[in-house]
Amino acid sequence: MKNIFEKKVVDELIGRINKLTPKSTGIWGKMNVAQMLAHCNVSYEMVFTEKHPKPNGPMKLMLKLFVKQTVVNEKPYKKNSRTAPAFLIVDERDFEKEKKRLIDHLIKTQELGEDYFHNKESHSFGPLTKTEWNNLFYKHLNHHLEQFGV
């Protein structure tokens, strides 16, 4: 899996994001392109903001036991997979605003680097290694960029 903490990988991802337009359509799924960008921003919001409430103890345990490995391993996501409620984007979003936010999150993540993230507490899964953080970030974004053909 590509390393999201490397500048050349982030530059490649930004290049792919910049190929999107407000009229880009998904190959699968229900989200429009602005909703997809907002959806991808949620992963970063959970790291960099307090916008999303943390799951309670029993829910966090369930997430660790049944969801964590799917999110942090290198196996690609299946098309049309279910998503967590916090990631559901059903309202209309501003394409340019969400695109800029996502690019800013990518740059911030890369600049903070893998040492910042190594053993950092995840919103839902407890401490993750730098490899698990990389897989969480890269795999999810790559999945959705492929969804929109870039």
Protein backbone atom coordinates (compact mmCIF):
# COMPACT_ATOMS: atom_id res chain seq x y z
CA MET A 1 0.00 0.00 0.00
CA LYS A 2 1.24 3.48 -0.80
CA ASN A 3 2.42 5.59 2.14
CA ILE A 4 0.23 8.64 2.75
CA PHE A 5 2.99 10.13 4.88
CA GLU A 6 5.21 10.55 1.79
CA LYS A 7 4.94 13.85 -0.06
CA LYS A 8 5.03 12.21 -3.51
CA VAL A 9 2.03 10.03 -2.57
CA VAL A 10 0.09 13.03 -1.25
CA ASP A 11 0.96 14.99 -4.41
CA GLU A 12 -0.37 12.07 -6.49
CA LEU A 13 -3.59 11.96 -4.45
CA ILE A 14 -4.05 15.72 -4.80
CA GLY A 15 -3.55 15.34 -8.56
CA ARG A 16 -6.31 12.74 -8.63
CA ILE A 17 -8.60 14.94 -6.52
CA ASN A 18 -7.94 17.86 -8.87
CA LYS A 19 -9.24 15.77 -11.78
CA LEU A 20 -12.67 15.76 -10.13
CA THR A 21 -15.25 18.34 -11.15
CA PRO A 22 -18.67 19.19 -9.70
CA LYS A 23 -20.11 17.12 -12.55
CA SER A 24 -18.03 13.98 -11.86
CA THR A 25 -20.24 10.95 -11.36
CA GLY A 26 -19.61 7.78 -9.41
CA ILE A 27 -19.19 4.40 -11.04
CA TRP A 28 -21.02 2.88 -8.07
CA GLY A 29 -22.74 4.12 -4.92
CA LYS A 30 -25.27 6.80 -4.08
CA MET A 31 -23.13 9.82 -3.16
CA ASN A 32 -22.49 12.68 -5.52
CA VAL A 33 -18.92 13.95 -5.81
CA ALA A 34 -19.28 16.73 -3.20
CA GLN A 35 -20.81 14.26 -0.73
CA MET A 36 -17.96 11.82 -1.41
CA LEU A 37 -15.38 14.50 -0.62
CA ALA A 38 -17.25 15.40 2.59
CA HIS A 39 -17.42 11.68 3.44
CA CYS A 40 -13.64 11.38 3.01
CA ASN A 41 -13.13 14.40 5.26
CA VAL A 42 -14.80 12.61 8.18
CA SER A 43 -11.73 10.41 8.80
CA TYR A 44 -9.64 13.54 9.26
CA GLU A 45 -12.30 15.35 11.30
CA MET A 46 -12.16 12.47 13.77
CA VAL A 47 -8.42 13.07 14.17
CA PHE A 48 -8.20 16.85 14.04
CA THR A 49 -11.52 18.05 15.55
CA GLU A 50 -14.00 17.25 18.29
CA LYS A 51 -16.92 17.37 15.82
CA HIS A 52 -17.83 13.69 16.19
CA PRO A 53 -18.66 12.17 19.59
CA LYS A 54 -16.49 9.22 20.55
CA PRO A 55 -18.21 5.85 20.83
CA ASN A 56 -18.97 4.65 24.36
CA GLY A 57 -17.09 1.71 25.92
CA PRO A 58 -19.27 -1.18 24.67
CA MET A 59 -19.54 0.32 21.17
CA LYS A 60 -15.78 0.97 21.01
CA LEU A 61 -15.16 -2.66 21.99
CA MET A 62 -17.50 -3.85 19.21
CA LEU A 63 -15.72 -1.60 16.70
CA LYS A 64 -12.31 -2.93 17.79
CA LEU A 65 -13.46 -6.54 17.56
CA PHE A 66 -15.51 -6.45 14.36
CA VAL A 67 -14.58 -3.39 12.29
CA LYS A 68 -10.99 -2.43 13.03
CA GLN A 69 -9.25 -5.11 10.95
CA THR A 70 -11.38 -4.32 7.90
CA VAL A 71 -10.43 -0.65 8.18
CA VAL A 72 -6.70 -0.96 8.93
CA ASN A 73 -5.66 -3.96 6.82
CA GLU A 74 -4.46 -3.71 3.22
CA LYS A 75 -7.39 -5.53 1.63
CA PRO A 76 -9.40 -3.11 -0.55
CA TYR A 77 -12.96 -2.28 0.43
CA LYS A 78 -15.80 -3.90 -1.47
CA LYS A 79 -17.96 -1.65 -3.62
CA ASN A 80 -21.19 -0.47 -1.97
CA SER A 81 -20.02 -1.47 1.53
CA ARG A 82 -22.00 -0.13 4.47
CA THR A 83 -20.52 2.80 6.31
CA ALA A 84 -20.68 4.04 9.89
CA PRO A 85 -23.42 6.58 10.66
CA ALA A 86 -20.92 9.44 11.17
CA PHE A 87 -19.73 8.91 7.59
CA LEU A 88 -23.19 9.12 6.00
CA ILE A 89 -23.47 12.34 4.03
CA VAL A 90 -27.01 12.85 2.77
CA ASP A 91 -27.27 16.63 2.54
CA GLU A 92 -25.86 18.70 -0.30
CA ARG A 93 -22.29 19.91 0.08
CA ASP A 94 -20.16 22.59 -1.57
CA PHE A 95 -17.76 20.83 -3.95
CA GLU A 96 -14.97 23.42 -3.81
CA LYS A 97 -15.13 23.75 -0.03
CA GLU A 98 -15.00 19.98 0.54
CA LYS A 99 -12.22 19.56 -2.03
CA LYS A 100 -10.09 22.24 -0.35
CA ARG A 101 -10.73 20.75 3.10
CA LEU A 102 -9.66 17.30 1.92
CA ILE A 103 -6.48 18.59 0.28
CA ASP A 104 -5.66 20.59 3.42
CA HIS A 105 -6.20 17.48 5.58
CA LEU A 106 -3.90 15.44 3.33
CA ILE A 107 -1.14 18.04 3.50
CA LYS A 108 -1.48 18.40 7.28
CA THR A 109 -1.37 14.61 7.77
CA GLN A 110 1.72 14.26 5.59
CA GLU A 111 3.48 17.18 7.27
CA LEU A 112 2.75 15.84 10.77
CA GLY A 113 4.23 12.55 9.60
CA GLU A 114 4.09 8.95 10.61
CA ASP A 115 5.84 9.51 13.96
CA TYR A 116 3.00 11.82 15.03
CA PHE A 117 0.47 9.11 14.25
CA HIS A 118 2.37 6.05 15.55
CA ASN A 119 0.41 4.75 18.57
CA LYS A 120 -1.94 7.75 18.38
CA GLU A 121 -5.39 7.02 19.78
CA SER A 122 -8.00 6.47 17.11
CA HIS A 123 -11.48 7.89 17.56
CA SER A 124 -13.00 4.40 17.32
CA PHE A 125 -10.27 1.75 17.55
CA GLY A 126 -7.82 2.72 20.30
CA PRO A 127 -4.11 3.25 19.55
CA LEU A 128 -3.05 2.48 15.98
CA THR A 129 0.40 1.96 14.54
CA LYS A 130 1.68 4.25 11.80
CA THR A 131 1.01 1.45 9.30
CA GLU A 132 -2.59 1.07 10.49
CA TRP A 133 -3.11 4.85 10.24
CA ASN A 134 -1.64 4.82 6.75
CA ASN A 135 -3.91 1.99 5.66
CA LEU A 136 -6.96 3.66 7.21
CA PHE A 137 -6.29 6.94 5.40
CA TYR A 138 -4.93 5.72 2.07
CA LYS A 139 -7.25 2.77 1.49
CA HIS A 140 -10.39 4.79 2.18
CA LEU A 141 -9.45 7.74 -0.02
CA ASN A 142 -8.19 5.52 -2.83
CA HIS A 143 -11.45 3.54 -2.72
CA HIS A 144 -13.52 6.67 -3.23
CA LEU A 145 -11.27 8.20 -5.87
CA GLU A 146 -11.59 4.94 -7.81
CA GLN A 147 -15.36 5.17 -7.26
CA PHE A 148 -15.28 8.44 -9.21
CA GLY A 149 -12.87 7.18 -11.87
CA VAL A 150 -9.72 9.06 -10.86
